[in-house]
Amino acid sequence: MDITGEYRIGAPRETVWAALLDPETLRASIPGCKELERTGDNAFSAKVQLKVGPVSATFTGAVELQDIVAPDSLRIVGQGNGGVAGFAKGEAKVTLAEDGGETILSYVADAQIGGKLASLGGRLIQSTARKLADQFFSSFASTLGTEASGSAETEQSA
């Protein structure tokens, strides 16, 4: 499943960039995040509790930041295991562009799921992915004392 999005965040690019690399800001922004700890220079371990339709699970996993070109772009690679609920893995290319005193954050992500989650159906998974992306960026912008406007789009990959 491919997910793309673009958000306008009312903060300078350097501020948005610093927040993307800050574990406390990320922990506060990730929906259902219970733990997020730095395990290396650009690596984190995470525990996230999510409900997708009738399936509720706690995912434990790892996230790594790669291809960092400060303050322009980075790639986020992650995977998580939710036990009997299944697994999720994916990566996202995030790009920041200045627009006056604001920042345009764009991303292109690819996600794969397996197990019980994969049996829920594409439409439910896609709508949940859009909802989680919107929740993340709304929370992320509010931690910066501003608002985010934009949206996420999903499309099923073959």
C-alpha atoms as a PDB file:
ATOM      1  CA  MET A   1       0.000   0.000   0.000  1.00  0.00           C
ATOM      2  CA  ASP A   2       1.386   3.388  -1.003  1.00  0.00           C
ATOM      3  CA  ILE A   3       0.655   6.446   1.115  1.00  0.00           C
ATOM      4  CA  THR A   4       1.434  10.003   0.060  1.00  0.00           C
ATOM      5  CA  GLY A   5       0.771  13.252   1.821  1.00  0.00           C
ATOM      6  CA  GLU A   6       1.563  16.920   1.964  1.00  0.00           C
ATOM      7  CA  TYR A   7       1.137  19.139   4.992  1.00  0.00           C
ATOM      8  CA  ARG A   8       1.692  22.840   5.530  1.00  0.00           C
ATOM      9  CA  ILE A   9       3.125  23.432   8.999  1.00  0.00           C
ATOM     10  CA  GLY A  10       3.206  26.966  10.403  1.00  0.00           C
ATOM     11  CA  ALA A  11       6.818  26.821  11.569  1.00  0.00           C
ATOM     12  CA  PRO A  12      10.244  27.412   9.957  1.00  0.00           C
ATOM     13  CA  ARG A  13      11.899  24.446   8.227  1.00  0.00           C
ATOM     14  CA  GLU A  14      14.758  24.231  10.775  1.00  0.00           C
ATOM     15  CA  THR A  15      12.214  23.971  13.624  1.00  0.00           C
ATOM     16  CA  VAL A  16      10.266  21.230  11.825  1.00  0.00           C
ATOM     17  CA  TRP A  17      13.514  19.383  11.022  1.00  0.00           C
ATOM     18  CA  ALA A  18      14.661  19.449  14.661  1.00  0.00           C
ATOM     19  CA  ALA A  19      11.255  18.168  15.800  1.00  0.00           C
ATOM     20  CA  LEU A  20      11.411  15.246  13.325  1.00  0.00           C
ATOM     21  CA  LEU A  21      14.640  14.118  15.000  1.00  0.00           C
ATOM     22  CA  ASP A  22      13.432  14.629  18.593  1.00  0.00           C
ATOM     23  CA  PRO A  23      12.215  11.446  20.372  1.00  0.00           C
ATOM     24  CA  GLU A  24       9.977  13.387  22.801  1.00  0.00           C
ATOM     25  CA  THR A  25       8.192  15.221  19.977  1.00  0.00           C
ATOM     26  CA  LEU A  26       7.765  11.991  18.030  1.00  0.00           C
ATOM     27  CA  ARG A  27       6.463  10.094  21.080  1.00  0.00           C
ATOM     28  CA  ALA A  28       3.840  12.811  21.638  1.00  0.00           C
ATOM     29  CA  SER A  29       2.859  12.795  17.944  1.00  0.00           C
ATOM     30  CA  ILE A  30       2.628   9.082  17.075  1.00  0.00           C
ATOM     31  CA  PRO A  31      -0.936   7.839  17.655  1.00  0.00           C
ATOM     32  CA  GLY A  32      -0.988   5.151  20.360  1.00  0.00           C
ATOM     33  CA  CYS A  33       2.746   5.480  21.134  1.00  0.00           C
ATOM     34  CA  LYS A  34       3.537   4.014  24.551  1.00  0.00           C
ATOM     35  CA  GLU A  35       7.346   4.038  24.314  1.00  0.00           C
ATOM     36  CA  LEU A  36       9.954   5.522  22.003  1.00  0.00           C
ATOM     37  CA  GLU A  37      13.580   5.234  22.978  1.00  0.00           C
ATOM     38  CA  ARG A  38      16.761   6.128  21.147  1.00  0.00           C
ATOM     39  CA  THR A  39      18.893   3.015  20.566  1.00  0.00           C
ATOM     40  CA  GLY A  40      21.559   4.619  18.377  1.00  0.00           C
ATOM     41  CA  ASP A  41      22.434   7.831  16.571  1.00  0.00           C
ATOM     42  CA  ASN A  42      19.559   7.467  14.116  1.00  0.00           C
ATOM     43  CA  ALA A  43      17.690   4.473  15.540  1.00  0.00           C
ATOM     44  CA  PHE A  44      14.772   4.039  17.924  1.00  0.00           C
ATOM     45  CA  SER A  45      12.790   1.230  19.500  1.00  0.00           C
ATOM     46  CA  ALA A  46       9.048   1.743  19.800  1.00  0.00           C
ATOM     47  CA  LYS A  47       5.915   0.303  21.348  1.00  0.00           C
ATOM     48  CA  VAL A  48       2.621   1.427  19.791  1.00  0.00           C
ATOM     49  CA  GLN A  49      -0.927   0.348  20.638  1.00  0.00           C
ATOM     50  CA  LEU A  50      -3.352   0.516  17.698  1.00  0.00           C
ATOM     51  CA  LYS A  51      -6.899  -0.525  16.887  1.00  0.00           C
ATOM     52  CA  VAL A  52      -7.712  -1.286  13.265  1.00  0.00           C
ATOM     53  CA  GLY A  53     -11.353  -2.222  12.892  1.00  0.00           C
ATOM     54  CA  PRO A  54     -11.994  -5.099  15.313  1.00  0.00           C
ATOM     55  CA  VAL A  55      -8.275  -5.855  15.795  1.00  0.00           C
ATOM     56  CA  SER A  56      -6.433  -4.235  18.683  1.00  0.00           C
ATOM     57  CA  ALA A  57      -2.739  -4.910  19.181  1.00  0.00           C
ATOM     58  CA  THR A  58       0.442  -3.589  20.692  1.00  0.00           C
ATOM     59  CA  PHE A  59       3.265  -3.448  18.172  1.00  0.00           C
ATOM     60  CA  THR A  60       6.909  -3.523  19.193  1.00  0.00           C
ATOM     61  CA  GLY A  61       9.496  -2.632  16.637  1.00  0.00           C
ATOM     62  CA  ALA A  62      12.374  -0.555  15.421  1.00  0.00           C
ATOM     63  CA  VAL A  63      12.683   2.657  13.421  1.00  0.00           C
ATOM     64  CA  GLU A  64      15.796   3.935  11.676  1.00  0.00           C
ATOM     65  CA  LEU A  65      16.452   7.299  10.006  1.00  0.00           C
ATOM     66  CA  GLN A  66      18.507   6.968   6.811  1.00  0.00           C
ATOM     67  CA  ASP A  67      19.675   9.093   3.864  1.00  0.00           C
ATOM     68  CA  ILE A  68      19.655  12.223   6.043  1.00  0.00           C
ATOM     69  CA  VAL A  69      20.184  15.490   4.136  1.00  0.00           C
ATOM     70  CA  ALA A  70      19.634  18.171   6.805  1.00  0.00           C
ATOM     71  CA  PRO A  71      17.312  20.113   6.781  1.00  0.00           C
ATOM     72  CA  ASP A  72      15.861  18.923   3.454  1.00  0.00           C
ATOM     73  CA  SER A  73      15.000  15.229   3.575  1.00  0.00           C
ATOM     74  CA  LEU A  74      15.337  11.851   5.206  1.00  0.00           C
ATOM     75  CA  ARG A  75      14.084   8.309   4.873  1.00  0.00           C
ATOM     76  CA  ILE A  76      12.315   6.575   7.770  1.00  0.00           C
ATOM     77  CA  VAL A  77      12.472   2.766   7.763  1.00  0.00           C
ATOM     78  CA  GLY A  78      10.565   0.721  10.305  1.00  0.00           C
ATOM     79  CA  GLN A  79       9.011  -2.588  11.202  1.00  0.00           C
ATOM     80  CA  GLY A  80       6.765  -3.779  13.997  1.00  0.00           C
ATOM     81  CA  ASN A  81       5.316  -7.021  15.257  1.00  0.00           C
ATOM     82  CA  GLY A  82       1.874  -7.185  16.826  1.00  0.00           C
ATOM     83  CA  GLY A  83       1.892 -10.869  17.797  1.00  0.00           C
ATOM     84  CA  VAL A  84      -1.200 -12.708  16.538  1.00  0.00           C
ATOM     85  CA  ALA A  85      -2.503  -9.461  14.987  1.00  0.00           C
ATOM     86  CA  GLY A  86       0.325  -9.573  12.462  1.00  0.00           C
ATOM     87  CA  PHE A  87       3.151  -7.332  11.395  1.00  0.00           C
ATOM     88  CA  ALA A  88       3.718  -4.042   9.653  1.00  0.00           C
ATOM     89  CA  LYS A  89       6.803  -2.755   7.881  1.00  0.00           C
ATOM     90  CA  GLY A  90       7.543   0.108   5.605  1.00  0.00           C
ATOM     91  CA  GLU A  91       9.506   3.165   4.760  1.00  0.00           C
ATOM     92  CA  ALA A  92       8.810   6.806   4.017  1.00  0.00           C
ATOM     93  CA  LYS A  93      10.781   9.490   2.186  1.00  0.00           C
ATOM     94  CA  VAL A  94      10.111  12.829   3.906  1.00  0.00           C
ATOM     95  CA  THR A  95      10.951  16.159   2.256  1.00  0.00           C
ATOM     96  CA  LEU A  96      10.779  19.636   3.804  1.00  0.00           C
ATOM     97  CA  ALA A  97      10.485  22.807   1.724  1.00  0.00           C
ATOM     98  CA  GLU A  98      10.455  26.395   2.963  1.00  0.00           C
ATOM     99  CA  ASP A  99       7.487  28.559   2.044  1.00  0.00           C
ATOM    100  CA  GLY A 100       7.906  31.954   3.690  1.00  0.00           C
ATOM    101  CA  GLY A 101       7.883  31.322   7.441  1.00  0.00           C
ATOM    102  CA  GLU A 102       6.102  28.000   6.985  1.00  0.00           C
ATOM    103  CA  THR A 103       7.185  24.520   5.941  1.00  0.00           C
ATOM    104  CA  ILE A 104       5.702  22.187   3.352  1.00  0.00           C
ATOM    105  CA  LEU A 105       6.270  18.608   4.534  1.00  0.00           C
ATOM    106  CA  SER A 106       5.760  15.993   1.802  1.00  0.00           C
ATOM    107  CA  TYR A 107       6.151  12.262   2.057  1.00  0.00           C
ATOM    108  CA  VAL A 108       5.855   9.122  -0.013  1.00  0.00           C
ATOM    109  CA  ALA A 109       5.558   5.911   1.967  1.00  0.00           C
ATOM    110  CA  ASP A 110       5.204   2.241   1.226  1.00  0.00           C
ATOM    111  CA  ALA A 111       3.756  -0.090   3.841  1.00  0.00           C
ATOM    112  CA  GLN A 112       3.216  -3.836   3.983  1.00  0.00           C
ATOM    113  CA  ILE A 113       1.089  -5.686   6.510  1.00  0.00           C
ATOM    114  CA  GLY A 114       0.603  -9.356   7.231  1.00  0.00           C
ATOM    115  CA  GLY A 115      -1.250 -11.687   9.545  1.00  0.00           C
ATOM    116  CA  LYS A 116      -4.721 -10.986  10.922  1.00  0.00           C
ATOM    117  CA  LEU A 117      -4.457  -7.307   9.926  1.00  0.00           C
ATOM    118  CA  ALA A 118      -4.074  -8.207   6.256  1.00  0.00           C
ATOM    119  CA  SER A 119      -7.392 -10.065   6.344  1.00  0.00           C
ATOM    120  CA  LEU A 120      -9.368  -6.940   7.304  1.00  0.00           C
ATOM    121  CA  GLY A 121      -9.661  -5.609   3.774  1.00  0.00           C
ATOM    122  CA  GLY A 122      -7.967  -2.899   1.799  1.00  0.00           C
ATOM    123  CA  ARG A 123     -10.527  -0.138   2.333  1.00  0.00           C
ATOM    124  CA  LEU A 124     -10.432  -0.391   6.128  1.00  0.00           C
ATOM    125  CA  ILE A 125      -6.635  -0.491   6.142  1.00  0.00           C
ATOM    126  CA  GLN A 126      -6.415   2.492   3.753  1.00  0.00           C
ATOM    127  CA  SER A 127      -8.873   4.628   5.723  1.00  0.00           C
ATOM    128  CA  THR A 128      -7.045   3.778   8.965  1.00  0.00           C
ATOM    129  CA  ALA A 129      -3.680   4.687   7.388  1.00  0.00           C
ATOM    130  CA  ARG A 130      -5.047   8.078   6.244  1.00  0.00           C
ATOM    131  CA  LYS A 131      -6.570   8.714   9.674  1.00  0.00           C
ATOM    132  CA  LEU A 132      -3.328   7.829  11.502  1.00  0.00           C
ATOM    133  CA  ALA A 133      -1.267  10.057   9.176  1.00  0.00           C
ATOM    134  CA  ASP A 134      -3.631  12.983   9.746  1.00  0.00           C
ATOM    135  CA  GLN A 135      -3.562  12.401  13.533  1.00  0.00           C
ATOM    136  CA  PHE A 136       0.242  12.271  13.520  1.00  0.00           C
ATOM    137  CA  PHE A 137       0.683  15.532  11.611  1.00  0.00           C
ATOM    138  CA  SER A 138      -1.997  17.365  13.612  1.00  0.00           C
ATOM    139  CA  SER A 139      -0.307  16.296  16.859  1.00  0.00           C
ATOM    140  CA  PHE A 140       3.157  17.004  15.440  1.00  0.00           C
ATOM    141  CA  ALA A 141       2.189  20.556  14.457  1.00  0.00           C
ATOM    142  CA  SER A 142       0.529  21.234  17.820  1.00  0.00           C
ATOM    143  CA  THR A 143       3.741  20.220  19.643  1.00  0.00           C
ATOM    144  CA  LEU A 144       5.354  23.040  17.637  1.00  0.00           C
ATOM    145  CA  GLY A 145       2.627  25.443  18.789  1.00  0.00           C
ATOM    146  CA  THR A 146       1.076  25.662  15.342  1.00  0.00           C
ATOM    147  CA  GLU A 147      -1.395  23.897  13.056  1.00  0.00           C
ATOM    148  CA  ALA A 148      -0.973  21.598  10.084  1.00  0.00           C
ATOM    149  CA  SER A 149      -3.192  21.620   7.038  1.00  0.00           C
ATOM    150  CA  GLY A 150      -3.065  18.957   4.368  1.00  0.00           C
ATOM    151  CA  SER A 151      -4.015  15.382   3.781  1.00  0.00           C
ATOM    152  CA  ALA A 152      -2.832  11.848   3.208  1.00  0.00           C
ATOM    153  CA  GLU A 153      -3.795   9.680   0.244  1.00  0.00           C
ATOM    154  CA  THR A 154      -3.498   5.924  -0.027  1.00  0.00           C
ATOM    155  CA  GLU A 155      -3.488   3.581  -2.967  1.00  0.00           C
ATOM    156  CA  GLN A 156      -3.283  -0.174  -3.003  1.00  0.00           C
ATOM    157  CA  SER A 157      -0.114  -1.473  -4.605  1.00  0.00           C
ATOM    158  CA  ALA A 158      -0.279  -4.680  -6.550  1.00  0.00           C
END
